[in-house]
Amino acid sequence: MSQIDGKMIRAFREANGISQTDFGKMMGVALRTVQNWESGNKIPPNKQQKMREVIERHEKKAFSVDFLSADGQKADEKAIILDALENKRLLSRDEAHRVIARITELEEIEKRWTNIVKTLKQTLRNDLM
C-alpha cells in the first residue's frame, strides 16, 4: 500500500472542500499537525491508516455525487441534502449550518464573478471606442 503524503492530503482536502482545521478534527490532530504534514513532515503509520479510513468513509458518504460547485469542487453539502431527501430525514443542526454556510459562500463567489465579468465587459467596450 502506498504512503500518503502531504500533497495527497492537500489534494483530498481541496477536492472535497475540507479545511485544514476540519481535516485535523477528522484525524484527531491539531491544525498545526495537518499544516506540518502538508509541508512535508512524515506522517506516522498509525495516522496513515486512520487517513485511509477517513478518506474511504468520506468517499462512501459522497456516494459518487459529482455535483460541482461554483468553484469547481465537489460540494459535500449537496450530498448531505440528497442523502436527507433520499432517506426522508431532517438535516441535523450541524448539517444545516454547513449547507447554509456553503450556499452563502457560493453566493459570494457568484457576486465576485458577476462583478469581474461586468468590469471586463466595460473595459473591452472602452478599448473598442
Protein backbone atom coordinates (compact mmCIF):
# COMPACT_ATOMS: atom_id res chain seq x y z
CA MET A 1 0.00 0.00 0.00
CA SER A 2 1.43 3.40 -0.96
CA GLN A 3 2.29 6.03 1.61
CA ILE A 4 0.03 9.05 1.97
CA ASP A 5 1.96 12.30 1.82
CA GLY A 6 1.20 15.98 2.33
CA LYS A 7 0.41 16.58 -1.34
CA MET A 8 -2.18 13.81 -1.26
CA ILE A 9 -3.76 15.25 1.89
CA ARG A 10 -3.98 18.72 0.35
CA ALA A 11 -5.43 17.33 -2.90
CA PHE A 12 -8.04 15.30 -0.99
CA ARG A 13 -8.99 18.26 1.19
CA GLU A 14 -9.24 20.73 -1.66
CA ALA A 15 -11.14 18.34 -3.92
CA ASN A 16 -13.68 17.85 -1.15
CA GLY A 17 -13.81 21.38 0.24
CA ILE A 18 -12.41 20.37 3.63
CA SER A 19 -10.41 22.93 5.62
CA GLN A 20 -7.18 22.01 7.39
CA THR A 21 -8.97 22.55 10.70
CA ASP A 22 -11.81 20.20 9.77
CA PHE A 23 -9.40 17.59 8.42
CA GLY A 24 -7.49 17.81 11.72
CA LYS A 25 -10.73 17.16 13.61
CA MET A 26 -11.47 14.18 11.37
CA MET A 27 -7.99 12.84 12.13
CA GLY A 28 -7.98 13.73 15.82
CA VAL A 29 -4.97 16.04 15.48
CA ALA A 30 -4.27 19.74 15.81
CA LEU A 31 -4.37 22.17 12.89
CA ARG A 32 -0.59 22.64 13.17
CA THR A 33 -0.09 18.89 12.66
CA VAL A 34 -2.04 18.98 9.39
CA GLN A 35 -0.03 22.03 8.31
CA ASN A 36 3.21 20.18 9.14
CA TRP A 37 2.14 17.12 7.16
CA GLU A 38 1.21 19.25 4.16
CA SER A 39 4.60 20.98 4.44
CA GLY A 40 6.37 17.65 4.09
CA ASN A 41 6.69 16.28 7.63
CA LYS A 42 6.44 12.49 7.82
CA ILE A 43 3.05 11.03 8.70
CA PRO A 44 3.20 8.27 11.36
CA PRO A 45 1.99 4.79 10.29
CA ASN A 46 -0.98 4.84 12.69
CA LYS A 47 -2.14 8.13 11.16
CA GLN A 48 -1.60 6.75 7.64
CA GLN A 49 -4.12 4.01 8.41
CA LYS A 50 -6.53 6.46 10.01
CA MET A 51 -6.29 8.66 6.88
CA ARG A 52 -7.14 5.74 4.64
CA GLU A 53 -10.21 5.07 6.79
CA VAL A 54 -11.25 8.74 6.82
CA ILE A 55 -10.84 9.02 3.04
CA GLU A 56 -12.72 5.77 2.42
CA ARG A 57 -15.56 6.82 4.74
CA HIS A 58 -15.71 10.21 3.08
CA GLU A 59 -15.79 8.65 -0.40
CA LYS A 60 -18.65 6.34 0.63
CA LYS A 61 -20.53 9.24 2.20
CA ALA A 62 -20.31 11.21 -1.02
CA PHE A 63 -21.83 8.16 -2.81
CA SER A 64 -20.40 9.38 -6.09
CA VAL A 65 -22.45 12.58 -6.21
CA ASP A 66 -20.44 14.63 -8.66
CA PHE A 67 -22.25 17.92 -8.44
CA LEU A 68 -19.80 20.74 -8.98
CA SER A 69 -20.00 23.92 -7.00
CA ALA A 70 -19.19 27.33 -8.45
CA ASP A 71 -15.52 26.95 -7.53
CA GLY A 72 -15.27 23.59 -9.30
CA GLN A 73 -15.04 21.42 -6.18
CA LYS A 74 -17.37 18.63 -5.09
CA ALA A 75 -19.98 20.02 -2.73
CA ASP A 76 -20.42 17.75 0.30
CA GLU A 77 -23.37 19.85 1.31
CA LYS A 78 -25.30 18.76 -1.79
CA ALA A 79 -24.55 15.16 -0.88
CA ILE A 80 -25.91 15.84 2.62
CA ILE A 81 -29.12 17.28 1.19
CA LEU A 82 -29.55 14.42 -1.28
CA ASP A 83 -28.94 11.88 1.48
CA ALA A 84 -31.55 13.58 3.66
CA LEU A 85 -34.05 13.65 0.81
CA GLU A 86 -33.38 10.05 -0.20
CA ASN A 87 -33.74 8.79 3.35
CA LYS A 88 -36.61 11.15 4.22
CA ARG A 89 -34.82 12.60 7.23
CA LEU A 90 -34.34 16.09 8.58
CA LEU A 91 -30.91 17.69 8.48
CA SER A 92 -29.10 17.86 11.78
CA ARG A 93 -28.33 21.33 13.12
CA ASP A 94 -24.65 20.90 12.14
CA GLU A 95 -25.56 19.76 8.62
CA ALA A 96 -27.97 22.67 8.19
CA HIS A 97 -25.29 25.16 9.30
CA ARG A 98 -22.79 23.63 6.86
CA VAL A 99 -25.27 23.80 4.00
CA ILE A 100 -26.23 27.40 4.77
CA ALA A 101 -22.57 28.41 5.06
CA ARG A 102 -21.75 26.77 1.73
CA ILE A 103 -24.72 28.40 -0.03
CA THR A 104 -23.65 31.78 1.35
CA GLU A 105 -20.09 31.16 0.16
CA LEU A 106 -21.31 30.22 -3.32
CA GLU A 107 -23.48 33.33 -3.49
CA GLU A 108 -20.42 35.44 -2.67
CA ILE A 109 -18.39 33.70 -5.36
CA GLU A 110 -21.17 34.32 -7.86
CA LYS A 111 -21.27 38.03 -6.93
CA ARG A 112 -17.49 38.35 -7.35
CA TRP A 113 -17.59 36.67 -10.77
CA THR A 114 -20.51 38.84 -11.86
CA ASN A 115 -18.52 41.95 -10.91
CA ILE A 116 -15.41 40.67 -12.70
CA VAL A 117 -17.40 39.98 -15.87
CA LYS A 118 -19.03 43.45 -15.70
CA THR A 119 -15.62 45.09 -15.32
CA LEU A 120 -14.16 43.09 -18.20
CA LYS A 121 -17.10 43.94 -20.47
CA GLN A 122 -16.80 47.62 -19.64
CA THR A 123 -13.04 47.55 -20.19
CA LEU A 124 -13.49 45.88 -23.57
CA ARG A 125 -16.18 48.38 -24.59
CA ASN A 126 -13.92 51.26 -23.60
CA ASP A 127 -10.99 49.75 -25.51
CA LEU A 128 -13.12 49.37 -28.65
CA MET A 129 -14.26 53.00 -28.61
